[in-house]
Structures are given as structure tokens and as C-alpha cells.
Amino acid sequence: MAKIKKGDQVIVISGRDKGKTGRVLTVHTGSDRIVVEGVQRVKKHTKVGQSQRGARTGGIETIEAPIHISNVMLVDPETKKGTRVGYRTETVERNGRERTVRVRVAKRSGKDI
């Protein structure tokens, strides 16, 4: 189970974009990679063609490439610095039944994520 989810704010801790922060756009669990907004931008060359209306498509696009999940760290909501992730179990009552729920917790400040 990945500790980083879609929509989380992360900071890059290694690589050419070290120090940049961004929001997680997608998580690829099979390869342990994530796509972060504004990080690991690469130029992609696409074949030039025409759309239905006659507009030209293709050329050089700049897109975000996947980065390994070990090269990013979750941003603590309180201190705005990188933090490790822990879990706390809680019992919650829903529809008259008790369930145990795992809640993500920032190790740096102890606050819920």
C-alpha cells in the first residue's frame, strides 16, 4: 500500500527537481511511480497531423513524466516541510456498526493528513 495518494502535496527530495513541491496527479502502483504537477517535465515529440476541423496538431509538447515514489516526501500540513507517514487505527461507528479505520498521520507534527 502506497503512503502517497492522488491529490497529496509532496516535495521532491532527490533528482534534478530537488526542492520543488507539487500536487500528485496520478499514482502507478505497479511500478511505484507517481506523476507530480510541475515536476520532471520532459519534451515529447508527437507526429504532426490534422484534426477534423483542419487545425494542425502535434509538434513538441512539454509534459510531466513519472518519478519514483522514493524520491518524494509528503508535505506536513502544519510545518510545510517534508515528513514521513504513519498510521493510527480508530474505531468509528457507521450505520450502527463499529469499524476500524486507518488514519494517515504526519510523523513530524502528529497531525492527521
PDB file of N, CA and C in Angstrom:
ATOM      1  N   MET A   1       0.842  -1.188   0.000  1.00  0.00           N
ATOM      2  CA  MET A   1       0.000   0.000   0.000  1.00  0.00           C
ATOM      3  C   MET A   1       0.883   1.246   0.000  1.00  0.00           C
ATOM      4  N   ALA A   2       0.662   2.124  -0.966  1.00  0.00           N
ATOM      5  CA  ALA A   2       1.458   3.336  -1.075  1.00  0.00           C
ATOM      6  C   ALA A   2       1.016   4.344  -0.016  1.00  0.00           C
ATOM      7  N   LYS A   3       1.967   5.039   0.564  1.00  0.00           N
ATOM      8  CA  LYS A   3       1.646   6.025   1.589  1.00  0.00           C
ATOM      9  C   LYS A   3       1.295   7.373   0.980  1.00  0.00           C
ATOM     10  N   ILE A   4       1.522   7.517  -0.321  1.00  0.00           N
ATOM     11  CA  ILE A   4       1.202   8.755  -1.015  1.00  0.00           C
ATOM     12  C   ILE A   4       0.035   8.485  -1.953  1.00  0.00           C
ATOM     13  N   LYS A   5      -0.960   9.380  -1.928  1.00  0.00           N
ATOM     14  CA  LYS A   5      -2.165   9.193  -2.719  1.00  0.00           C
ATOM     15  C   LYS A   5      -2.354  10.366  -3.677  1.00  0.00           C
ATOM     16  N   LYS A   6      -3.261  10.185  -4.620  1.00  0.00           N
ATOM     17  CA  LYS A   6      -3.598  11.226  -5.575  1.00  0.00           C
ATOM     18  C   LYS A   6      -4.138  12.450  -4.835  1.00  0.00           C
ATOM     19  N   GLY A   7      -3.649  13.630  -5.194  1.00  0.00           N
ATOM     20  CA  GLY A   7      -4.096  14.866  -4.565  1.00  0.00           C
ATOM     21  C   GLY A   7      -3.228  15.336  -3.421  1.00  0.00           C
ATOM     22  N   ASP A   8      -2.276  14.504  -2.951  1.00  0.00           N
ATOM     23  CA  ASP A   8      -1.382  14.893  -1.865  1.00  0.00           C
ATOM     24  C   ASP A   8      -0.377  15.942  -2.335  1.00  0.00           C
ATOM     25  N   GLN A   9       0.057  16.786  -1.413  1.00  0.00           N
ATOM     26  CA  GLN A   9       1.116  17.755  -1.674  1.00  0.00           C
ATOM     27  C   GLN A   9       2.441  17.099  -1.292  1.00  0.00           C
ATOM     28  N   VAL A  10       3.394  17.039  -2.238  1.00  0.00           N
ATOM     29  CA  VAL A  10       4.674  16.381  -1.979  1.00  0.00           C
ATOM     30  C   VAL A  10       5.827  17.308  -2.328  1.00  0.00           C
ATOM     31  N   ILE A  11       7.005  16.988  -1.779  1.00  0.00           N
ATOM     32  CA  ILE A  11       8.238  17.706  -2.093  1.00  0.00           C
ATOM     33  C   ILE A  11       9.231  16.689  -2.627  1.00  0.00           C
ATOM     34  N   VAL A  12       9.974  17.077  -3.663  1.00  0.00           N
ATOM     35  CA  VAL A  12      10.967  16.195  -4.268  1.00  0.00           C
ATOM     36  C   VAL A  12      12.235  16.268  -3.437  1.00  0.00           C
ATOM     37  N   ILE A  13      12.780  15.100  -3.018  1.00  0.00           N
ATOM     38  CA  ILE A  13      13.948  15.073  -2.146  1.00  0.00           C
ATOM     39  C   ILE A  13      15.215  14.652  -2.874  1.00  0.00           C
ATOM     40  N   SER A  14      15.102  14.177  -4.128  1.00  0.00           N
ATOM     41  CA  SER A  14      16.305  13.849  -4.897  1.00  0.00           C
ATOM     42  C   SER A  14      15.993  13.928  -6.384  1.00  0.00           C
ATOM     43  N   GLY A  15      17.036  14.105  -7.175  1.00  0.00           N
ATOM     44  CA  GLY A  15      16.868  14.226  -8.614  1.00  0.00           C
ATOM     45  C   GLY A  15      17.075  15.650  -9.081  1.00  0.00           C
ATOM     46  N   ARG A  16      16.824  15.863 -10.356  1.00  0.00           N
ATOM     47  CA  ARG A  16      17.110  17.187 -10.931  1.00  0.00           C
ATOM     48  C   ARG A  16      16.118  18.258 -10.469  1.00  0.00           C
ATOM     49  N   ASP A  17      14.960  17.857  -9.967  1.00  0.00           N
ATOM     50  CA  ASP A  17      13.960  18.803  -9.477  1.00  0.00           C
ATOM     51  C   ASP A  17      13.916  18.852  -7.959  1.00  0.00           C
ATOM     52  N   LYS A  18      15.033  18.575  -7.298  1.00  0.00           N
ATOM     53  CA  LYS A  18      15.089  18.540  -5.844  1.00  0.00           C
ATOM     54  C   LYS A  18      14.644  19.877  -5.260  1.00  0.00           C
ATOM     55  N   GLY A  19      13.755  19.818  -4.261  1.00  0.00           N
ATOM     56  CA  GLY A  19      13.270  21.021  -3.604  1.00  0.00           C
ATOM     57  C   GLY A  19      11.940  21.529  -4.124  1.00  0.00           C
ATOM     58  N   LYS A  20      11.507  21.073  -5.292  1.00  0.00           N
ATOM     59  CA  LYS A  20      10.230  21.528  -5.843  1.00  0.00           C
ATOM     60  C   LYS A  20       9.082  20.816  -5.155  1.00  0.00           C
ATOM     61  N   THR A  21       7.965  21.525  -5.036  1.00  0.00           N
ATOM     62  CA  THR A  21       6.767  20.922  -4.473  1.00  0.00           C
ATOM     63  C   THR A  21       5.681  20.911  -5.528  1.00  0.00           C
ATOM     64  N   GLY A  22       4.751  19.984  -5.373  1.00  0.00           N
ATOM     65  CA  GLY A  22       3.647  19.892  -6.315  1.00  0.00           C
ATOM     66  C   GLY A  22       2.592  18.929  -5.822  1.00  0.00           C
ATOM     67  N   ARG A  23       1.486  18.888  -6.540  1.00  0.00           N
ATOM     68  CA  ARG A  23       0.362  18.029  -6.195  1.00  0.00           C
ATOM     69  C   ARG A  23       0.456  16.751  -7.017  1.00  0.00           C
ATOM     70  N   VAL A  24       0.146  15.605  -6.415  1.00  0.00           N
ATOM     71  CA  VAL A  24       0.209  14.319  -7.104  1.00  0.00           C
ATOM     72  C   VAL A  24      -0.979  14.214  -8.048  1.00  0.00           C
ATOM     73  N   LEU A  25      -0.694  13.971  -9.346  1.00  0.00           N
ATOM     74  CA  LEU A  25      -1.745  13.846 -10.346  1.00  0.00           C
ATOM     75  C   LEU A  25      -2.198  12.406 -10.512  1.00  0.00           C
ATOM     76  N   THR A  26      -1.231  11.467 -10.613  1.00  0.00           N
ATOM     77  CA  THR A  26      -1.566  10.051 -10.741  1.00  0.00           C
ATOM     78  C   THR A  26      -0.574   9.217  -9.950  1.00  0.00           C
ATOM     79  N   VAL A  27      -1.007   8.011  -9.565  1.00  0.00           N
ATOM     80  CA  VAL A  27      -0.156   7.060  -8.858  1.00  0.00           C
ATOM     81  C   VAL A  27      -0.173   5.753  -9.642  1.00  0.00           C
ATOM     82  N   HIS A  28       1.009   5.255 -10.030  1.00  0.00           N
ATOM     83  CA  HIS A  28       1.146   3.972 -10.719  1.00  0.00           C
ATOM     84  C   HIS A  28       1.677   2.965  -9.707  1.00  0.00           C
ATOM     85  N   THR A  29       0.784   2.170  -9.125  1.00  0.00           N
ATOM     86  CA  THR A  29       1.180   1.277  -8.045  1.00  0.00           C
ATOM     87  C   THR A  29       2.048   0.121  -8.519  1.00  0.00           C
ATOM     88  N   GLY A  30       1.877  -0.324  -9.748  1.00  0.00           N
ATOM     89  CA  GLY A  30       2.649  -1.452 -10.256  1.00  0.00           C
ATOM     90  C   GLY A  30       4.129  -1.162 -10.362  1.00  0.00           C
ATOM     91  N   SER A  31       4.478   0.067 -10.755  1.00  0.00           N
ATOM     92  CA  SER A  31       5.883   0.438 -10.938  1.00  0.00           C
ATOM     93  C   SER A  31       6.389   1.370  -9.841  1.00  0.00           C
ATOM     94  N   ASP A  32       5.575   1.627  -8.810  1.00  0.00           N
ATOM     95  CA  ASP A  32       5.932   2.523  -7.705  1.00  0.00           C
ATOM     96  C   ASP A  32       6.360   3.902  -8.201  1.00  0.00           C
ATOM     97  N   ARG A  33       5.621   4.446  -9.139  1.00  0.00           N
ATOM     98  CA  ARG A  33       5.920   5.772  -9.681  1.00  0.00           C
ATOM     99  C   ARG A  33       4.690   6.660  -9.581  1.00  0.00           C
ATOM    100  N   ILE A  34       4.948   7.969  -9.491  1.00  0.00           N
ATOM    101  CA  ILE A  34       3.861   8.945  -9.429  1.00  0.00           C
ATOM    102  C   ILE A  34       4.158  10.079 -10.404  1.00  0.00           C
ATOM    103  N   VAL A  35       3.119  10.783 -10.806  1.00  0.00           N
ATOM    104  CA  VAL A  35       3.247  11.974 -11.644  1.00  0.00           C
ATOM    105  C   VAL A  35       2.897  13.171 -10.778  1.00  0.00           C
ATOM    106  N   VAL A  36       3.834  14.127 -10.683  1.00  0.00           N
ATOM    107  CA  VAL A  36       3.652  15.308  -9.840  1.00  0.00           C
ATOM    108  C   VAL A  36       3.540  16.531 -10.739  1.00  0.00           C
ATOM    109  N   GLU A  37       2.609  17.391 -10.405  1.00  0.00           N
ATOM    110  CA  GLU A  37       2.357  18.594 -11.187  1.00  0.00           C
ATOM    111  C   GLU A  37       3.578  19.530 -11.152  1.00  0.00           C
ATOM    112  N   GLY A  38       4.122  19.863 -12.332  1.00  0.00           N
ATOM    113  CA  GLY A  38       5.238  20.792 -12.438  1.00  0.00           C
ATOM    114  C   GLY A  38       6.605  20.199 -12.149  1.00  0.00           C
ATOM    115  N   VAL A  39       6.696  18.875 -11.988  1.00  0.00           N
ATOM    116  CA  VAL A  39       7.966  18.219 -11.664  1.00  0.00           C
ATOM    117  C   VAL A  39       8.286  17.203 -12.752  1.00  0.00           C
ATOM    118  N   GLN A  40       9.581  17.040 -13.066  1.00  0.00           N
ATOM    119  CA  GLN A  40      10.059  16.061 -14.050  1.00  0.00           C
ATOM    120  C   GLN A  40       9.425  16.324 -15.418  1.00  0.00           C
ATOM    121  N   ARG A  41       9.457  17.600 -15.830  1.00  0.00           N
ATOM    122  CA  ARG A  41       8.873  17.963 -17.121  1.00  0.00           C
ATOM    123  C   ARG A  41       9.826  17.584 -18.238  1.00  0.00           C
ATOM    124  N   VAL A  42       9.311  16.891 -19.247  1.00  0.00           N
ATOM    125  CA  VAL A  42      10.101  16.455 -20.394  1.00  0.00           C
ATOM    126  C   VAL A  42       9.404  16.901 -21.670  1.00  0.00           C
ATOM    127  N   LYS A  43      10.184  17.024 -22.736  1.00  0.00           N
ATOM    128  CA  LYS A  43       9.620  17.383 -24.036  1.00  0.00           C
ATOM    129  C   LYS A  43       9.310  16.112 -24.807  1.00  0.00           C
ATOM    130  N   LYS A  44       8.106  16.045 -25.347  1.00  0.00           N
ATOM    131  CA  LYS A  44       7.658  14.875 -26.083  1.00  0.00           C
ATOM    132  C   LYS A  44       7.330  15.310 -27.502  1.00  0.00           C
ATOM    133  N   HIS A  45       7.886  14.616 -28.474  1.00  0.00           N
ATOM    134  CA  HIS A  45       7.654  14.940 -29.877  1.00  0.00           C
ATOM    135  C   HIS A  45       6.510  14.076 -30.393  1.00  0.00           C
ATOM    136  N   THR A  46       5.466  14.722 -30.906  1.00  0.00           N
ATOM    137  CA  THR A  46       4.335  13.993 -31.455  1.00  0.00           C
ATOM    138  C   THR A  46       4.213  14.289 -32.940  1.00  0.00           C
ATOM    139  N   LYS A  47       3.714  13.293 -33.665  1.00  0.00           N
ATOM    140  CA  LYS A  47       3.609  13.402 -35.111  1.00  0.00           C
ATOM    141  C   LYS A  47       2.603  14.486 -35.491  1.00  0.00           C
ATOM    142  N   VAL A  48       2.937  15.285 -36.501  1.00  0.00           N
ATOM    143  CA  VAL A  48       2.076  16.369 -36.944  1.00  0.00           C
ATOM    144  C   VAL A  48       0.947  15.780 -37.778  1.00  0.00           C
ATOM    145  N   GLY A  49      -0.276  16.202 -37.477  1.00  0.00           N
ATOM    146  CA  GLY A  49      -1.445  15.742 -38.215  1.00  0.00           C
ATOM    147  C   GLY A  49      -2.472  16.847 -38.280  1.00  0.00           C
ATOM    148  N   GLN A  50      -3.682  16.493 -38.683  1.00  0.00           N
ATOM    149  CA  GLN A  50      -4.756  17.469 -38.754  1.00  0.00           C
ATOM    150  C   GLN A  50      -5.979  16.940 -38.021  1.00  0.00           C
ATOM    151  N   SER A  51      -6.690  17.843 -37.352  1.00  0.00           N
ATOM    152  CA  SER A  51      -7.917  17.453 -36.666  1.00  0.00           C
ATOM    153  C   SER A  51      -9.075  17.491 -37.660  1.00  0.00           C
ATOM    154  N   GLN A  52     -10.273  17.209 -37.184  1.00  0.00           N
ATOM    155  CA  GLN A  52     -11.457  17.189 -38.044  1.00  0.00           C
ATOM    156  C   GLN A  52     -11.742  18.565 -38.648  1.00  0.00           C
ATOM    157  N   ARG A  53     -11.424  19.616 -37.913  1.00  0.00           N
ATOM    158  CA  ARG A  53     -11.721  20.969 -38.384  1.00  0.00           C
ATOM    159  C   ARG A  53     -10.615  21.531 -39.262  1.00  0.00           C
ATOM    160  N   GLY A  54      -9.527  20.823 -39.417  1.00  0.00           N
ATOM    161  CA  GLY A  54      -8.441  21.279 -40.269  1.00  0.00           C
ATOM    162  C   GLY A  54      -7.303  21.941 -39.524  1.00  0.00           C
ATOM    163  N   ALA A  55      -7.389  22.012 -38.187  1.00  0.00           N
ATOM    164  CA  ALA A  55      -6.316  22.604 -37.387  1.00  0.00           C
ATOM    165  C   ALA A  55      -5.150  21.621 -37.306  1.00  0.00           C
ATOM    166  N   ARG A  56      -3.948  22.155 -37.261  1.00  0.00           N
ATOM    167  CA  ARG A  56      -2.767  21.303 -37.184  1.00  0.00           C
ATOM    168  C   ARG A  56      -2.536  20.875 -35.733  1.00  0.00           C
ATOM    169  N   THR A  57      -2.231  19.599 -35.564  1.00  0.00           N
ATOM    170  CA  THR A  57      -1.941  19.068 -34.240  1.00  0.00           C
ATOM    171  C   THR A  57      -0.528  18.513 -34.235  1.00  0.00           C
ATOM    172  N   GLY A  58      -0.014  18.244 -33.040  1.00  0.00           N
ATOM    173  CA  GLY A  58       1.315  17.646 -32.939  1.00  0.00           C
ATOM    174  C   GLY A  58       2.382  18.688 -32.699  1.00  0.00           C
ATOM    175  N   GLY A  59       3.625  18.255 -32.804  1.00  0.00           N
ATOM    176  CA  GLY A  59       4.755  19.130 -32.552  1.00  0.00           C
ATOM    177  C   GLY A  59       5.437  18.725 -31.264  1.00  0.00           C
ATOM    178  N   ILE A  60       6.022  19.689 -30.571  1.00  0.00           N
ATOM    179  CA  ILE A  60       6.739  19.426 -29.332  1.00  0.00           C
ATOM    180  C   ILE A  60       5.864  19.856 -28.160  1.00  0.00           C
ATOM    181  N   GLU A  61       5.579  18.908 -27.262  1.00  0.00           N
ATOM    182  CA  GLU A  61       4.783  19.187 -26.076  1.00  0.00           C
ATOM    183  C   GLU A  61       5.651  18.988 -24.845  1.00  0.00           C
ATOM    184  N   THR A  62       5.380  19.755 -23.796  1.00  0.00           N
ATOM    185  CA  THR A  62       6.061  19.576 -22.520  1.00  0.00           C
ATOM    186  C   THR A  62       5.078  18.946 -21.550  1.00  0.00           C
ATOM    187  N   ILE A  63       5.423  17.745 -21.044  1.00  0.00           N
ATOM    188  CA  ILE A  63       4.536  17.018 -20.148  1.00  0.00           C
ATOM    189  C   ILE A  63       5.309  16.590 -18.899  1.00  0.00           C
ATOM    190  N   GLU A  64       4.572  16.182 -17.879  1.00  0.00           N
ATOM    191  CA  GLU A  64       5.194  15.660 -16.661  1.00  0.00           C
ATOM    192  C   GLU A  64       5.414  14.162 -16.826  1.00  0.00           C
ATOM    193  N   ALA A  65       6.631  13.709 -16.525  1.00  0.00           N
ATOM    194  CA  ALA A  65       6.952  12.289 -16.594  1.00  0.00           C
ATOM    195  C   ALA A  65       6.861  11.695 -15.189  1.00  0.00           C
ATOM    196  N   PRO A  66       6.664  10.376 -15.094  1.00  0.00           N
ATOM    197  CA  PRO A  66       6.595   9.747 -13.771  1.00  0.00           C
ATOM    198  C   PRO A  66       7.929   9.817 -13.035  1.00  0.00           C
ATOM    199  N   ILE A  67       7.860   9.918 -11.718  1.00  0.00           N
ATOM    200  CA  ILE A  67       9.043   9.948 -10.856  1.00  0.00           C
ATOM    201  C   ILE A  67       8.853   8.852  -9.814  1.00  0.00           C
ATOM    202  N   HIS A  68       9.943   8.236  -9.377  1.00  0.00           N
ATOM    203  CA  HIS A  68       9.830   7.141  -8.420  1.00  0.00           C
ATOM    204  C   HIS A  68       9.330   7.661  -7.080  1.00  0.00           C
ATOM    205  N   ILE A  69       8.502   6.854  -6.436  1.00  0.00           N
ATOM    206  CA  ILE A  69       7.836   7.277  -5.198  1.00  0.00           C
ATOM    207  C   ILE A  69       8.833   7.495  -4.060  1.00  0.00           C
ATOM    208  N   SER A  70      10.009   6.867  -4.140  1.00  0.00           N
ATOM    209  CA  SER A  70      11.009   7.033  -3.085  1.00  0.00           C
ATOM    210  C   SER A  70      11.729   8.372  -3.177  1.00  0.00           C
ATOM    211  N   ASN A  71      11.563   9.083  -4.285  1.00  0.00           N
ATOM    212  CA  ASN A  71      12.225  10.372  -4.469  1.00  0.00           C
ATOM    213  C   ASN A  71      11.369  11.554  -4.028  1.00  0.00           C
ATOM    214  N   VAL A  72      10.199  11.282  -3.459  1.00  0.00           N
ATOM    215  CA  VAL A  72       9.349  12.353  -2.963  1.00  0.00           C
ATOM    216  C   VAL A  72       8.979  12.092  -1.509  1.00  0.00           C
ATOM    217  N   MET A  73       8.565  13.161  -0.832  1.00  0.00           N
ATOM    218  CA  MET A  73       8.182  13.080   0.566  1.00  0.00           C
ATOM    219  C   MET A  73       6.910  13.906   0.747  1.00  0.00           C
ATOM    220  N   LEU A  74       6.018  13.409   1.545  1.00  0.00           N
ATOM    221  CA  LEU A  74       4.769  14.109   1.806  1.00  0.00           C
ATOM    222  C   LEU A  74       5.040  15.402   2.575  1.00  0.00           C
ATOM    223  N   VAL A  75       4.309  16.467   2.251  1.00  0.00           N
ATOM    224  CA  VAL A  75       4.470  17.751   2.929  1.00  0.00           C
ATOM    225  C   VAL A  75       3.556  17.775   4.150  1.00  0.00           C
ATOM    226  N   ASP A  76       4.152  18.117   5.293  1.00  0.00           N
ATOM    227  CA  ASP A  76       3.400  18.223   6.543  1.00  0.00           C
ATOM    228  C   ASP A  76       2.439  19.406   6.440  1.00  0.00           C
ATOM    229  N   PRO A  77       1.146  19.211   6.751  1.00  0.00           N
ATOM    230  CA  PRO A  77       0.193  20.315   6.613  1.00  0.00           C
ATOM    231  C   PRO A  77       0.451  21.468   7.578  1.00  0.00           C
ATOM    232  N   GLU A  78       1.135  21.216   8.677  1.00  0.00           N
ATOM    233  CA  GLU A  78       1.359  22.271   9.669  1.00  0.00           C
ATOM    234  C   GLU A  78       2.665  23.021   9.429  1.00  0.00           C
ATOM    235  N   THR A  79       3.780  22.302   9.244  1.00  0.00           N
ATOM    236  CA  THR A  79       5.082  22.945   9.136  1.00  0.00           C
ATOM    237  C   THR A  79       5.500  23.228   7.697  1.00  0.00           C
ATOM    238  N   LYS A  80       4.768  22.686   6.718  1.00  0.00           N
ATOM    239  CA  LYS A  80       5.065  22.861   5.289  1.00  0.00           C
ATOM    240  C   LYS A  80       6.436  22.317   4.913  1.00  0.00           C
ATOM    241  N   LYS A  81       6.927  21.318   5.658  1.00  0.00           N
ATOM    242  CA  LYS A  81       8.183  20.643   5.354  1.00  0.00           C
ATOM    243  C   LYS A  81       7.897  19.166   5.110  1.00  0.00           C
ATOM    244  N   GLY A  82       8.883  18.449   4.594  1.00  0.00           N
ATOM    245  CA  GLY A  82       8.708  17.030   4.328  1.00  0.00           C
ATOM    246  C   GLY A  82       8.549  16.233   5.611  1.00  0.00           C
ATOM    247  N   THR A  83       7.737  15.182   5.544  1.00  0.00           N
ATOM    248  CA  THR A  83       7.501  14.349   6.715  1.00  0.00           C
ATOM    249  C   THR A  83       7.292  12.903   6.289  1.00  0.00           C
ATOM    250  N   ARG A  84       7.560  12.002   7.220  1.00  0.00           N
ATOM    251  CA  ARG A  84       7.237  10.605   6.997  1.00  0.00           C
ATOM    252  C   ARG A  84       5.772  10.370   7.375  1.00  0.00           C
ATOM    253  N   VAL A  85       5.239   9.242   6.935  1.00  0.00           N
ATOM    254  CA  VAL A  85       3.829   8.957   7.150  1.00  0.00           C
ATOM    255  C   VAL A  85       3.681   7.771   8.083  1.00  0.00           C
ATOM    256  N   GLY A  86       2.816   7.914   9.077  1.00  0.00           N
ATOM    257  CA  GLY A  86       2.486   6.820   9.974  1.00  0.00           C
ATOM    258  C   GLY A  86       0.990   6.576   9.939  1.00  0.00           C
ATOM    259  N   TYR A  87       0.543   5.553  10.628  1.00  0.00           N
ATOM    260  CA  TYR A  87      -0.872   5.225  10.654  1.00  0.00           C
ATOM    261  C   TYR A  87      -1.354   5.084  12.085  1.00  0.00           C
ATOM    262  N   ARG A  88      -2.595   5.468  12.303  1.00  0.00           N
ATOM    263  CA  ARG A  88      -3.249   5.308  13.591  1.00  0.00           C
ATOM    264  C   ARG A  88      -4.597   4.641  13.320  1.00  0.00           C
ATOM    265  N   THR A  89      -4.952   3.666  14.149  1.00  0.00           N
ATOM    266  CA  THR A  89      -6.233   2.993  13.958  1.00  0.00           C
ATOM    267  C   THR A  89      -7.272   3.590  14.894  1.00  0.00           C
ATOM    268  N   GLU A  90      -8.461   3.812  14.366  1.00  0.00           N
ATOM    269  CA  GLU A  90      -9.566   4.353  15.137  1.00  0.00           C
ATOM    270  C   GLU A  90     -10.785   3.464  14.935  1.00  0.00           C
ATOM    271  N   THR A  91     -11.641   3.426  15.929  1.00  0.00           N
ATOM    272  CA  THR A  91     -12.921   2.735  15.770  1.00  0.00           C
ATOM    273  C   THR A  91     -13.992   3.782  15.528  1.00  0.00           C
ATOM    274  N   VAL A  92     -14.695   3.629  14.413  1.00  0.00           N
ATOM    275  CA  VAL A  92     -15.714   4.587  14.011  1.00  0.00           C
ATOM    276  C   VAL A  92     -17.039   3.844  13.896  1.00  0.00           C
ATOM    277  N   GLU A  93     -18.109   4.472  14.360  1.00  0.00           N
ATOM    278  CA  GLU A  93     -19.430   3.845  14.275  1.00  0.00           C
ATOM    279  C   GLU A  93     -20.173   4.409  13.083  1.00  0.00           C
ATOM    280  N   ARG A  94     -20.517   3.518  12.146  1.00  0.00           N
ATOM    281  CA  ARG A  94     -21.275   3.905  10.960  1.00  0.00           C
ATOM    282  C   ARG A  94     -22.461   2.964  10.811  1.00  0.00           C
ATOM    283  N   ASN A  95     -23.636   3.519  10.657  1.00  0.00           N
ATOM    284  CA  ASN A  95     -24.871   2.748  10.471  1.00  0.00           C
ATOM    285  C   ASN A  95     -25.066   1.721  11.587  1.00  0.00           C
ATOM    286  N   GLY A  96     -24.681   2.069  12.789  1.00  0.00           N
ATOM    287  CA  GLY A  96     -24.862   1.180  13.922  1.00  0.00           C
ATOM    288  C   GLY A  96     -23.826   0.080  14.043  1.00  0.00           C
ATOM    289  N   ARG A  97     -22.788   0.099  13.198  1.00  0.00           N
ATOM    290  CA  ARG A  97     -21.733  -0.912  13.247  1.00  0.00           C
ATOM    291  C   ARG A  97     -20.399  -0.240  13.534  1.00  0.00           C
ATOM    292  N   GLU A  98     -19.571  -0.909  14.310  1.00  0.00           N
ATOM    293  CA  GLU A  98     -18.246  -0.364  14.614  1.00  0.00           C
ATOM    294  C   GLU A  98     -17.241  -0.893  13.605  1.00  0.00           C
ATOM    295  N   ARG A  99     -16.432   0.005  13.087  1.00  0.00           N
ATOM    296  CA  ARG A  99     -15.405  -0.366  12.119  1.00  0.00           C
ATOM    297  C   ARG A  99     -14.087   0.251  12.541  1.00  0.00           C
ATOM    298  N   THR A 100     -13.002  -0.438  12.202  1.00  0.00           N
ATOM    299  CA  THR A 100     -11.679   0.128  12.457  1.00  0.00           C
ATOM    300  C   THR A 100     -11.207   0.804  11.183  1.00  0.00           C
ATOM    301  N   VAL A 101     -10.730   2.015  11.313  1.00  0.00           N
ATOM    302  CA  VAL A 101     -10.291   2.827  10.186  1.00  0.00           C
ATOM    303  C   VAL A 101      -8.850   3.221  10.410  1.00  0.00           C
ATOM    304  N   ARG A 102      -8.029   3.105   9.344  1.00  0.00           N
ATOM    305  CA  ARG A 102      -6.639   3.544   9.415  1.00  0.00           C
ATOM    306  C   ARG A 102      -6.551   4.994   8.963  1.00  0.00           C
ATOM    307  N   VAL A 103      -5.966   5.837   9.793  1.00  0.00           N
ATOM    308  CA  VAL A 103      -5.841   7.261   9.506  1.00  0.00           C
ATOM    309  C   VAL A 103      -4.358   7.576   9.315  1.00  0.00           C
ATOM    310  N   ARG A 104      -4.039   8.289   8.213  1.00  0.00           N
ATOM    311  CA  ARG A 104      -2.652   8.690   7.981  1.00  0.00           C
ATOM    312  C   ARG A 104      -2.277   9.844   8.902  1.00  0.00           C
ATOM    313  N   VAL A 105      -1.078   9.768   9.473  1.00  0.00           N
ATOM    314  CA  VAL A 105      -0.610  10.763  10.426  1.00  0.00           C
ATOM    315  C   VAL A 105       0.782  11.230  10.020  1.00  0.00           C
ATOM    316  N   ALA A 106       1.042  12.538  10.085  1.00  0.00           N
ATOM    317  CA  ALA A 106       2.363  13.083   9.804  1.00  0.00           C
ATOM    318  C   ALA A 106       3.262  12.828  11.013  1.00  0.00           C
ATOM    319  N   LYS A 107       4.422  12.206  10.790  1.00  0.00           N
ATOM    320  CA  LYS A 107       5.323  11.882  11.900  1.00  0.00           C
ATOM    321  C   LYS A 107       5.962  13.148  12.495  1.00  0.00           C
ATOM    322  N   ARG A 108       6.150  14.181  11.679  1.00  0.00           N
ATOM    323  CA  ARG A 108       6.810  15.402  12.150  1.00  0.00           C
ATOM    324  C   ARG A 108       5.960  16.151  13.171  1.00  0.00           C
ATOM    325  N   SER A 109       4.669  16.321  12.878  1.00  0.00           N
ATOM    326  CA  SER A 109       3.819  17.118  13.773  1.00  0.00           C
ATOM    327  C   SER A 109       2.763  16.301  14.509  1.00  0.00           C
ATOM    328  N   GLY A 110       2.476  15.105  14.050  1.00  0.00           N
ATOM    329  CA  GLY A 110       1.457  14.290  14.677  1.00  0.00           C
ATOM    330  C   GLY A 110       0.044  14.608  14.212  1.00  0.00           C
ATOM    331  N   LYS A 111      -0.102  15.495  13.245  1.00  0.00           N
ATOM    332  CA  LYS A 111      -1.422  15.889  12.742  1.00  0.00           C
ATOM    333  C   LYS A 111      -1.911  14.905  11.689  1.00  0.00           C
ATOM    334  N   ASP A 112      -3.241  14.810  11.542  1.00  0.00           N
ATOM    335  CA  ASP A 112      -3.836  13.962  10.516  1.00  0.00           C
ATOM    336  C   ASP A 112      -3.607  14.564   9.134  1.00  0.00           C
ATOM    337  N   ILE A 113      -3.480  13.669   8.170  1.00  0.00           N
ATOM    338  CA  ILE A 113      -3.273  14.126   6.774  1.00  0.00           C
ATOM    339  C   ILE A 113      -4.583  13.945   6.025  1.00  0.00           C
TER     340      ILE A 113
END
